PDB file of N, CA and C in Angstrom:
ATOM      1  N   MET A   1     142.810  94.577 114.620  1.00  0.00           N
ATOM      2  CA  MET A   1     141.686  94.567 115.123  1.00  0.00           C
ATOM      3  C   MET A   1     140.925  93.047 115.257  1.00  0.00           C
ATOM      4  N   GLN A   2     140.854  92.400 113.990  1.00  0.00           N
ATOM      5  CA  GLN A   2     140.743  91.210 113.722  1.00  0.00           C
ATOM      6  C   GLN A   2     141.413  90.670 113.072  1.00  0.00           C
ATOM      7  N   PRO A   3     141.852  88.906 113.279  1.00  0.00           N
ATOM      8  CA  PRO A   3     142.790  88.305 112.585  1.00  0.00           C
ATOM      9  C   PRO A   3     142.464  87.561 111.474  1.00  0.00           C
ATOM     10  N   ALA A   4     143.376  87.393 110.739  1.00  0.00           N
ATOM     11  CA  ALA A   4     142.729  86.793 109.380  1.00  0.00           C
ATOM     12  C   ALA A   4     142.584  85.245 109.892  1.00  0.00           C
ATOM     13  N   PHE A   5     141.366  85.109 109.138  1.00  0.00           N
ATOM     14  CA  PHE A   5     141.234  83.509 109.124  1.00  0.00           C
ATOM     15  C   PHE A   5     140.627  82.612 107.956  1.00  0.00           C
ATOM     16  N   LYS A   6     140.338  81.613 108.136  1.00  0.00           N
ATOM     17  CA  LYS A   6     139.999  80.640 107.115  1.00  0.00           C
ATOM     18  C   LYS A   6     138.316  80.149 106.952  1.00  0.00           C
ATOM     19  N   LYS A   7     137.461  80.051 106.285  1.00  0.00           N
ATOM     20  CA  LYS A   7     136.195  79.832 106.070  1.00  0.00           C
ATOM     21  C   LYS A   7     135.951  79.087 104.893  1.00  0.00           C
ATOM     22  N   ASN A   8     135.729  77.984 104.791  1.00  0.00           N
ATOM     23  CA  ASN A   8     134.924  77.211 103.845  1.00  0.00           C
ATOM     24  C   ASN A   8     135.489  76.831 102.616  1.00  0.00           C
ATOM     25  N   GLY A   9     137.110  76.869 103.215  1.00  0.00           N
ATOM     26  CA  GLY A   9     138.128  77.086 102.252  1.00  0.00           C
ATOM     27  C   GLY A   9     138.495  78.653 101.761  1.00  0.00           C
ATOM     28  N   LYS A  10     137.998  79.695 102.057  1.00  0.00           N
ATOM     29  CA  LYS A  10     138.121  80.731 101.798  1.00  0.00           C
ATOM     30  C   LYS A  10     139.089  81.661 102.738  1.00  0.00           C
ATOM     31  N   ASP A  11     140.093  82.269 102.240  1.00  0.00           N
ATOM     32  CA  ASP A  11     141.071  83.004 102.781  1.00  0.00           C
ATOM     33  C   ASP A  11     140.001  84.745 103.301  1.00  0.00           C
ATOM     34  N   PHE A  12     140.253  84.887 104.349  1.00  0.00           N
ATOM     35  CA  PHE A  12     139.437  86.449 104.597  1.00  0.00           C
ATOM     36  C   PHE A  12     140.534  87.096 105.641  1.00  0.00           C
ATOM     37  N   GLN A  13     140.760  88.165 105.090  1.00  0.00           N
ATOM     38  CA  GLN A  13     142.320  88.931 105.384  1.00  0.00           C
ATOM     39  C   GLN A  13     141.743  89.456 106.794  1.00  0.00           C
ATOM     40  N   ALA A  14     142.937  89.679 107.734  1.00  0.00           N
ATOM     41  CA  ALA A  14     143.027  90.450 108.572  1.00  0.00           C
ATOM     42  C   ALA A  14     142.330  91.733 108.575  1.00  0.00           C
ATOM     43  N   ILE A  15     141.547  92.629 109.696  1.00  0.00           N
ATOM     44  CA  ILE A  15     141.577  93.725 109.837  1.00  0.00           C
ATOM     45  C   ILE A  15     142.366  94.603 110.398  1.00  0.00           C
ATOM     46  N   THR A  16     142.713  95.187 110.199  1.00  0.00           N
ATOM     47  CA  THR A  16     144.007  96.003 110.964  1.00  0.00           C
ATOM     48  C   THR A  16     143.552  97.585 110.753  1.00  0.00           C
ATOM     49  N   TYR A  17     144.263  98.189 111.963  1.00  0.00           N
ATOM     50  CA  TYR A  17     144.283  99.938 112.060  1.00  0.00           C
ATOM     51  C   TYR A  17     145.738 100.424 112.612  1.00  0.00           C
ATOM     52  N   ILE A  18     145.899 101.466 112.061  1.00  0.00           N
ATOM     53  CA  ILE A  18     146.708 102.148 112.379  1.00  0.00           C
ATOM     54  C   ILE A  18     146.702 103.150 112.810  1.00  0.00           C
ATOM     55  N   ALA A  19     146.535 104.213 113.643  1.00  0.00           N
ATOM     56  CA  ALA A  19     146.147 105.166 114.368  1.00  0.00           C
ATOM     57  C   ALA A  19     147.604 106.087 113.778  1.00  0.00           C
ATOM     58  N   ASP A  20     147.263 107.248 113.811  1.00  0.00           N
ATOM     59  CA  ASP A  20     148.439 108.710 113.348  1.00  0.00           C
ATOM     60  C   ASP A  20     149.386 108.802 114.221  1.00  0.00           C
ATOM     61  N   PHE A  21     148.692 108.865 115.662  1.00  0.00           N
ATOM     62  CA  PHE A  21     149.372 108.870 116.690  1.00  0.00           C
ATOM     63  C   PHE A  21     149.056 108.151 118.326  1.00  0.00           C
ATOM     64  N   MET A  22     150.112 108.301 119.070  1.00  0.00           N
ATOM     65  CA  MET A  22     149.508 107.689 120.472  1.00  0.00           C
ATOM     66  C   MET A  22     150.354 108.585 121.114  1.00  0.00           C
ATOM     67  N   VAL A  23     149.789 109.087 122.135  1.00  0.00           N
ATOM     68  CA  VAL A  23     150.201 110.169 123.330  1.00  0.00           C
ATOM     69  C   VAL A  23     150.048 109.280 124.609  1.00  0.00           C
ATOM     70  N   TYR A  24     151.010 109.634 125.407  1.00  0.00           N
ATOM     71  CA  TYR A  24     151.034 108.430 126.653  1.00  0.00           C
ATOM     72  C   TYR A  24     151.237 110.026 127.686  1.00  0.00           C
ATOM     73  N   LEU A  25     150.101 110.264 128.627  1.00  0.00           N
ATOM     74  CA  LEU A  25     149.663 111.236 129.328  1.00  0.00           C
ATOM     75  C   LEU A  25     150.489 110.974 130.545  1.00  0.00           C
ATOM     76  N   PRO A  26     150.617 111.991 131.500  1.00  0.00           N
ATOM     77  CA  PRO A  26     151.241 111.595 132.684  1.00  0.00           C
ATOM     78  C   PRO A  26     150.588 110.432 133.906  1.00  0.00           C
ATOM     79  N   ASN A  27     149.171 110.901 133.661  1.00  0.00           N
ATOM     80  CA  ASN A  27     148.770 109.866 134.560  1.00  0.00           C
ATOM     81  C   ASN A  27     148.661 108.430 134.470  1.00  0.00           C
ATOM     82  N   GLY A  28     149.082 108.126 133.245  1.00  0.00           N
ATOM     83  CA  GLY A  28     148.987 106.901 132.632  1.00  0.00           C
ATOM     84  C   GLY A  28     148.015 106.820 131.684  1.00  0.00           C
ATOM     85  N   ASP A  29     147.017 107.470 131.145  1.00  0.00           N
ATOM     86  CA  ASP A  29     146.068 107.472 129.812  1.00  0.00           C
ATOM     87  C   ASP A  29     147.027 107.593 128.725  1.00  0.00           C
ATOM     88  N   VAL A  30     146.297 106.761 128.293  1.00  0.00           N
ATOM     89  CA  VAL A  30     146.594 107.049 126.142  1.00  0.00           C
ATOM     90  C   VAL A  30     145.551 107.712 125.524  1.00  0.00           C
ATOM     91  N   GLU A  31     146.117 108.647 124.904  1.00  0.00           N
ATOM     92  CA  GLU A  31     145.268 108.656 123.529  1.00  0.00           C
ATOM     93  C   GLU A  31     145.375 108.509 122.560  1.00  0.00           C
ATOM     94  N   VAL A  32     144.432 108.012 121.574  1.00  0.00           N
ATOM     95  CA  VAL A  32     145.324 107.511 120.358  1.00  0.00           C
ATOM     96  C   VAL A  32     144.585 108.415 119.205  1.00  0.00           C
ATOM     97  N   ILE A  33     145.531 109.037 118.368  1.00  0.00           N
ATOM     98  CA  ILE A  33     144.890 110.391 117.658  1.00  0.00           C
ATOM     99  C   ILE A  33     145.010 109.908 116.023  1.00  0.00           C
ATOM    100  N   ASP A  34     143.960 110.233 115.504  1.00  0.00           N
ATOM    101  CA  ASP A  34     143.863 110.289 114.127  1.00  0.00           C
ATOM    102  C   ASP A  34     143.269 111.020 113.233  1.00  0.00           C
ATOM    103  N   ILE A  35     144.096 111.341 112.468  1.00  0.00           N
ATOM    104  CA  ILE A  35     143.544 112.597 111.565  1.00  0.00           C
ATOM    105  C   ILE A  35     143.058 112.272 110.419  1.00  0.00           C
ATOM    106  N   LYS A  36     141.659 112.884 109.914  1.00  0.00           N
ATOM    107  CA  LYS A  36     141.029 112.361 108.842  1.00  0.00           C
ATOM    108  C   LYS A  36     140.837 113.396 108.198  1.00  0.00           C
ATOM    109  N   GLY A  37     140.460 113.688 107.088  1.00  0.00           N
ATOM    110  CA  GLY A  37     140.367 114.711 106.352  1.00  0.00           C
ATOM    111  C   GLY A  37     138.679 114.251 105.506  1.00  0.00           C
ATOM    112  N   MET A  38     138.259 112.919 105.348  1.00  0.00           N
ATOM    113  CA  MET A  38     136.902 112.774 105.536  1.00  0.00           C
ATOM    114  C   MET A  38     136.593 111.426 106.079  1.00  0.00           C
ATOM    115  N   VAL A  39     135.674 111.432 106.731  1.00  0.00           N
ATOM    116  CA  VAL A  39     134.890 109.897 107.594  1.00  0.00           C
ATOM    117  C   VAL A  39     134.651 109.119 106.315  1.00  0.00           C
ATOM    118  N   THR A  40     135.229 107.728 105.998  1.00  0.00           N
ATOM    119  CA  THR A  40     134.646 106.894 105.305  1.00  0.00           C
ATOM    120  C   THR A  40     134.141 105.695 106.066  1.00  0.00           C
ATOM    121  N   GLU A  41     133.552 104.868 105.029  1.00  0.00           N
ATOM    122  CA  GLU A  41     132.372 103.730 106.186  1.00  0.00           C
ATOM    123  C   GLU A  41     133.484 102.734 106.538  1.00  0.00           C
ATOM    124  N   THR A  42     134.434 102.991 105.690  1.00  0.00           N
ATOM    125  CA  THR A  42     135.456 102.110 106.595  1.00  0.00           C
ATOM    126  C   THR A  42     136.078 102.458 108.125  1.00  0.00           C
ATOM    127  N   PHE A  43     135.985 103.762 107.589  1.00  0.00           N
ATOM    128  CA  PHE A  43     136.422 104.182 109.157  1.00  0.00           C
ATOM    129  C   PHE A  43     135.800 104.243 110.318  1.00  0.00           C
ATOM    130  N   ALA A  44     134.234 104.724 110.214  1.00  0.00           N
ATOM    131  CA  ALA A  44     133.322 104.422 111.167  1.00  0.00           C
ATOM    132  C   ALA A  44     133.257 103.043 111.876  1.00  0.00           C
ATOM    133  N   VAL A  45     133.223 101.728 110.694  1.00  0.00           N
ATOM    134  CA  VAL A  45     133.140 100.505 111.522  1.00  0.00           C
ATOM    135  C   VAL A  45     134.628  99.963 112.093  1.00  0.00           C
ATOM    136  N   LYS A  46     135.772 100.720 111.739  1.00  0.00           N
ATOM    137  CA  LYS A  46     136.662 100.222 112.696  1.00  0.00           C
ATOM    138  C   LYS A  46     136.906 101.129 113.677  1.00  0.00           C
ATOM    139  N   ARG A  47     136.091 102.498 113.856  1.00  0.00           N
ATOM    140  CA  ARG A  47     136.381 103.097 115.343  1.00  0.00           C
ATOM    141  C   ARG A  47     135.409 102.091 116.086  1.00  0.00           C
ATOM    142  N   LYS A  48     134.203 101.844 115.749  1.00  0.00           N
ATOM    143  CA  LYS A  48     133.039 101.142 116.627  1.00  0.00           C
ATOM    144  C   LYS A  48     134.417  99.767 117.216  1.00  0.00           C
ATOM    145  N   MET A  49     135.078  99.072 116.043  1.00  0.00           N
ATOM    146  CA  MET A  49     135.550  98.285 116.458  1.00  0.00           C
ATOM    147  C   MET A  49     136.709  98.397 117.684  1.00  0.00           C
ATOM    148  N   PHE A  50     137.215  99.329 117.114  1.00  0.00           N
ATOM    149  CA  PHE A  50     138.767 100.091 118.055  1.00  0.00           C
ATOM    150  C   PHE A  50     137.755  99.782 119.819  1.00  0.00           C
ATOM    151  N   GLU A  51     136.831 101.113 119.668  1.00  0.00           N
ATOM    152  CA  GLU A  51     135.888 100.864 120.939  1.00  0.00           C
ATOM    153  C   GLU A  51     135.548 100.098 121.576  1.00  0.00           C
ATOM    154  N   PHE A  52     134.949  99.114 120.875  1.00  0.00           N
ATOM    155  CA  PHE A  52     134.878  97.879 121.229  1.00  0.00           C
ATOM    156  C   PHE A  52     135.884  97.327 122.047  1.00  0.00           C
ATOM    157  N   LYS A  53     137.190  97.002 121.144  1.00  0.00           N
ATOM    158  CA  LYS A  53     138.225  96.094 121.817  1.00  0.00           C
ATOM    159  C   LYS A  53     138.998  97.199 122.454  1.00  0.00           C
ATOM    160  N   TYR A  54     139.076  98.138 122.932  1.00  0.00           N
ATOM    161  CA  TYR A  54     140.085  98.988 123.820  1.00  0.00           C
ATOM    162  C   TYR A  54     139.535 100.031 123.979  1.00  0.00           C
ATOM    163  N   PRO A  55     138.475  99.366 125.195  1.00  0.00           N
ATOM    164  CA  PRO A  55     137.829 100.317 125.973  1.00  0.00           C
ATOM    165  C   PRO A  55     138.666 101.409 126.996  1.00  0.00           C
ATOM    166  N   HIS A  56     139.950 100.766 127.359  1.00  0.00           N
ATOM    167  CA  HIS A  56     140.926 101.683 127.978  1.00  0.00           C
ATOM    168  C   HIS A  56     141.618 102.584 127.683  1.00  0.00           C
ATOM    169  N   LEU A  57     141.617 102.416 126.205  1.00  0.00           N
ATOM    170  CA  LEU A  57     141.907 103.732 125.147  1.00  0.00           C
ATOM    171  C   LEU A  57     140.993 104.717 124.760  1.00  0.00           C
ATOM    172  N   GLN A  58     141.601 105.927 124.865  1.00  0.00           N
ATOM    173  CA  GLN A  58     140.460 107.202 124.360  1.00  0.00           C
ATOM    174  C   GLN A  58     141.237 107.631 122.830  1.00  0.00           C
ATOM    175  N   LEU A  59     140.141 106.887 121.964  1.00  0.00           N
ATOM    176  CA  LEU A  59     140.375 107.485 120.452  1.00  0.00           C
ATOM    177  C   LEU A  59     139.848 108.685 119.866  1.00  0.00           C
ATOM    178  N   ILE A  60     140.775 109.605 119.762  1.00  0.00           N
ATOM    179  CA  ILE A  60     140.394 111.052 119.385  1.00  0.00           C
ATOM    180  C   ILE A  60     140.622 111.492 117.407  1.00  0.00           C
ATOM    181  N   PRO A  61     139.460 111.316 116.996  1.00  0.00           N
ATOM    182  CA  PRO A  61     139.996 111.547 115.386  1.00  0.00           C
ATOM    183  C   PRO A  61     139.764 113.052 115.561  1.00  0.00           C
ATOM    184  N   LEU A  62     140.633 113.711 114.751  1.00  0.00           N
ATOM    185  CA  LEU A  62     140.488 115.251 114.287  1.00  0.00           C
ATOM    186  C   LEU A  62     140.147 115.440 113.038  1.00  0.00           C
ATOM    187  N   LYS A  63     140.249 116.579 112.273  1.00  0.00           N
ATOM    188  CA  LYS A  63     139.965 117.468 110.986  1.00  0.00           C
ATOM    189  C   LYS A  63     140.431 118.637 111.456  1.00  0.00           C
ATOM    190  N   HIS A  64     141.107 118.980 110.652  1.00  0.00           N
ATOM    191  CA  HIS A  64     141.669 120.412 110.124  1.00  0.00           C
ATOM    192  C   HIS A  64     140.230 121.071 109.604  1.00  0.00           C
ATOM    193  N   VAL A  65     139.835 121.743 110.154  1.00  0.00           N
ATOM    194  CA  VAL A  65     139.317 122.857 109.368  1.00  0.00           C
ATOM    195  C   VAL A  65     139.420 124.302 109.851  1.00  0.00           C
ATOM    196  N   GLN A  66     139.888 125.066 108.305  1.00  0.00           N
ATOM    197  CA  GLN A  66     140.499 126.516 108.849  1.00  0.00           C
ATOM    198  C   GLN A  66     139.672 127.463 109.488  1.00  0.00           C
ATOM    199  N   LYS A  67     138.249 127.124 109.261  1.00  0.00           N
ATOM    200  CA  LYS A  67     137.300 128.283 109.229  1.00  0.00           C
ATOM    201  C   LYS A  67     136.924 128.116 110.625  1.00  0.00           C
ATOM    202  N   TYR A  68     137.593 126.805 111.328  1.00  0.00           N
ATOM    203  CA  TYR A  68     137.229 126.721 113.030  1.00  0.00           C
ATOM    204  C   TYR A  68     138.501 127.176 113.396  1.00  0.00           C
ATOM    205  N   GLY A  69     139.505 127.159 112.727  1.00  0.00           N
ATOM    206  CA  GLY A  69     141.035 127.740 113.658  1.00  0.00           C
ATOM    207  C   GLY A  69     141.739 126.882 113.534  1.00  0.00           C
ATOM    208  N   GLY A  70     141.550 125.484 113.016  1.00  0.00           N
ATOM    209  CA  GLY A  70     142.421 124.303 112.860  1.00  0.00           C
ATOM    210  C   GLY A  70     141.805 123.107 113.067  1.00  0.00           C
ATOM    211  N   TYR A  71     142.663 122.496 113.648  1.00  0.00           N
ATOM    212  CA  TYR A  71     142.400 121.202 114.057  1.00  0.00           C
ATOM    213  C   TYR A  71     141.353 121.146 115.715  1.00  0.00           C
ATOM    214  N   ILE A  72     140.220 120.700 115.090  1.00  0.00           N
ATOM    215  CA  ILE A  72     139.111 120.184 116.500  1.00  0.00           C
ATOM    216  C   ILE A  72     138.714 118.650 116.275  1.00  0.00           C
ATOM    217  N   THR A  73     138.081 117.975 116.998  1.00  0.00           N
ATOM    218  CA  THR A  73     137.969 116.857 117.508  1.00  0.00           C
ATOM    219  C   THR A  73     136.444 116.591 115.879  1.00  0.00           C
ATOM    220  N   LEU A  74     136.410 114.864 115.741  1.00  0.00           N
ATOM    221  CA  LEU A  74     135.799 115.123 114.302  1.00  0.00           C
ATOM    222  C   LEU A  74     133.597 115.217 115.160  1.00  0.00           C
ATOM    223  N   ASP A  75     133.705 115.103 116.394  1.00  0.00           N
ATOM    224  CA  ASP A  75     132.607 114.945 117.332  1.00  0.00           C
ATOM    225  C   ASP A  75     132.070 116.480 117.358  1.00  0.00           C
ATOM    226  N   GLU A  76     133.437 117.679 117.788  1.00  0.00           N
ATOM    227  CA  GLU A  76     132.734 118.780 117.686  1.00  0.00           C
ATOM    228  C   GLU A  76     132.678 119.336 116.013  1.00  0.00           C
ATOM    229  N   TYR A  77     133.360 119.114 115.035  1.00  0.00           N
ATOM    230  CA  TYR A  77     132.901 119.369 113.646  1.00  0.00           C
ATOM    231  C   TYR A  77     131.571 118.725 113.380  1.00  0.00           C
ATOM    232  N   ASN A  78     130.946 117.944 113.563  1.00  0.00           N
ATOM    233  CA  ASN A  78     129.833 117.260 113.892  1.00  0.00           C
ATOM    234  C   ASN A  78     129.013 118.065 114.285  1.00  0.00           C
ATOM    235  N   LYS A  79     128.775 118.582 115.591  1.00  0.00           N
ATOM    236  CA  LYS A  79     128.134 119.351 115.931  1.00  0.00           C
ATOM    237  C   LYS A  79     128.148 120.915 115.533  1.00  0.00           C
ATOM    238  N   LEU A  80     128.944 121.268 114.858  1.00  0.00           N
ATOM    239  CA  LEU A  80     129.124 122.697 114.398  1.00  0.00           C
ATOM    240  C   LEU A  80     128.476 122.487 113.027  1.00  0.00           C
ATOM    241  N   GLN A  81     128.502 121.466 112.098  1.00  0.00           N
ATOM    242  CA  GLN A  81     127.590 121.351 110.871  1.00  0.00           C
ATOM    243  C   GLN A  81     126.495 121.161 111.074  1.00  0.00           C
ATOM    244  N   ARG A  82     126.183 120.420 111.941  1.00  0.00           N
ATOM    245  CA  ARG A  82     124.832 120.480 112.494  1.00  0.00           C
ATOM    246  C   ARG A  82     124.163 121.875 112.534  1.00  0.00           C
ATOM    247  N   ALA A  83     124.700 122.617 113.504  1.00  0.00           N
ATOM    248  CA  ALA A  83     124.356 123.689 113.762  1.00  0.00           C
ATOM    249  C   ALA A  83     124.377 124.756 112.907  1.00  0.00           C
ATOM    250  N   GLU A  84     125.328 124.929 112.178  1.00  0.00           N
ATOM    251  CA  GLU A  84     125.090 125.852 110.638  1.00  0.00           C
ATOM    252  C   GLU A  84     123.922 125.331 109.999  1.00  0.00           C
ATOM    253  N   LYS A  85     123.523 124.114 109.735  1.00  0.00           N
ATOM    254  CA  LYS A  85     122.575 123.129 108.707  1.00  0.00           C
ATOM    255  C   LYS A  85     121.322 123.822 109.556  1.00  0.00           C
ATOM    256  N   ARG A  86     121.123 123.670 110.793  1.00  0.00           N
ATOM    257  CA  ARG A  86     119.903 124.067 111.412  1.00  0.00           C
ATOM    258  C   ARG A  86     119.610 125.814 111.087  1.00  0.00           C
ATOM    259  N   ALA A  87     120.821 126.326 111.088  1.00  0.00           N
ATOM    260  CA  ALA A  87     120.530 127.931 111.678  1.00  0.00           C
ATOM    261  C   ALA A  87     120.527 128.076 109.925  1.00  0.00           C
ATOM    262  N   LYS A  88     120.974 127.767 109.033  1.00  0.00           N
ATOM    263  CA  LYS A  88     120.797 127.749 107.744  1.00  0.00           C
ATOM    264  C   LYS A  88     118.912 128.056 107.218  1.00  0.00           C
ATOM    265  N   LYS A  89     118.548 126.291 107.889  1.00  0.00           N
ATOM    266  CA  LYS A  89     117.283 126.308 107.463  1.00  0.00           C
ATOM    267  C   LYS A  89     116.394 127.146 108.107  1.00  0.00           C
ATOM    268  N   LEU A  90     116.853 127.680 109.303  1.00  0.00           N
ATOM    269  CA  LEU A  90     115.836 128.888 110.236  1.00  0.00           C
ATOM    270  C   LEU A  90     115.833 130.383 109.278  1.00  0.00           C
ATOM    271  N   LYS A  91     116.827 130.555 108.922  1.00  0.00           N
ATOM    272  CA  LYS A  91     117.554 131.641 107.822  1.00  0.00           C
ATOM    273  C   LYS A  91     116.303 131.333 106.846  1.00  0.00           C
ATOM    274  N   GLN A  92     116.490 130.855 106.370  1.00  0.00           N
ATOM    275  CA  GLN A  92     115.631 130.186 105.023  1.00  0.00           C
ATOM    276  C   GLN A  92     113.985 130.246 105.276  1.00  0.00           C
ATOM    277  N   ALA A  93     113.837 129.755 106.711  1.00  0.00           N
ATOM    278  CA  ALA A  93     112.779 130.033 106.406  1.00  0.00           C
ATOM    279  C   ALA A  93     111.675 131.058 107.247  1.00  0.00           C
ATOM    280  N   LYS A  94     112.497 131.940 106.952  1.00  0.00           N
ATOM    281  CA  LYS A  94     112.096 133.700 107.753  1.00  0.00           C
ATOM    282  C   LYS A  94     111.505 134.326 106.186  1.00  0.00           C
TER     283      LYS A  94
END
């Protein structure tokens, strides 16, 4: 995503990203699938870089969550977590 470079005599390593799967759809679209256990700060930055560099590709991070029935998108997981947290706060406030 970013090539290696040298600055002031110091070498900087390339920033790379390798997704778990690439799905080629019949309509020509490409979905890039990445299975995450947990989101690290590194992934959050690489996701932003990916979205900027490859606007024509769709990055879909998935997470396996048994209580939600298996694999769900990371965005959906975050929504569900926020909703659970709000519901818990409301329940405690009663």
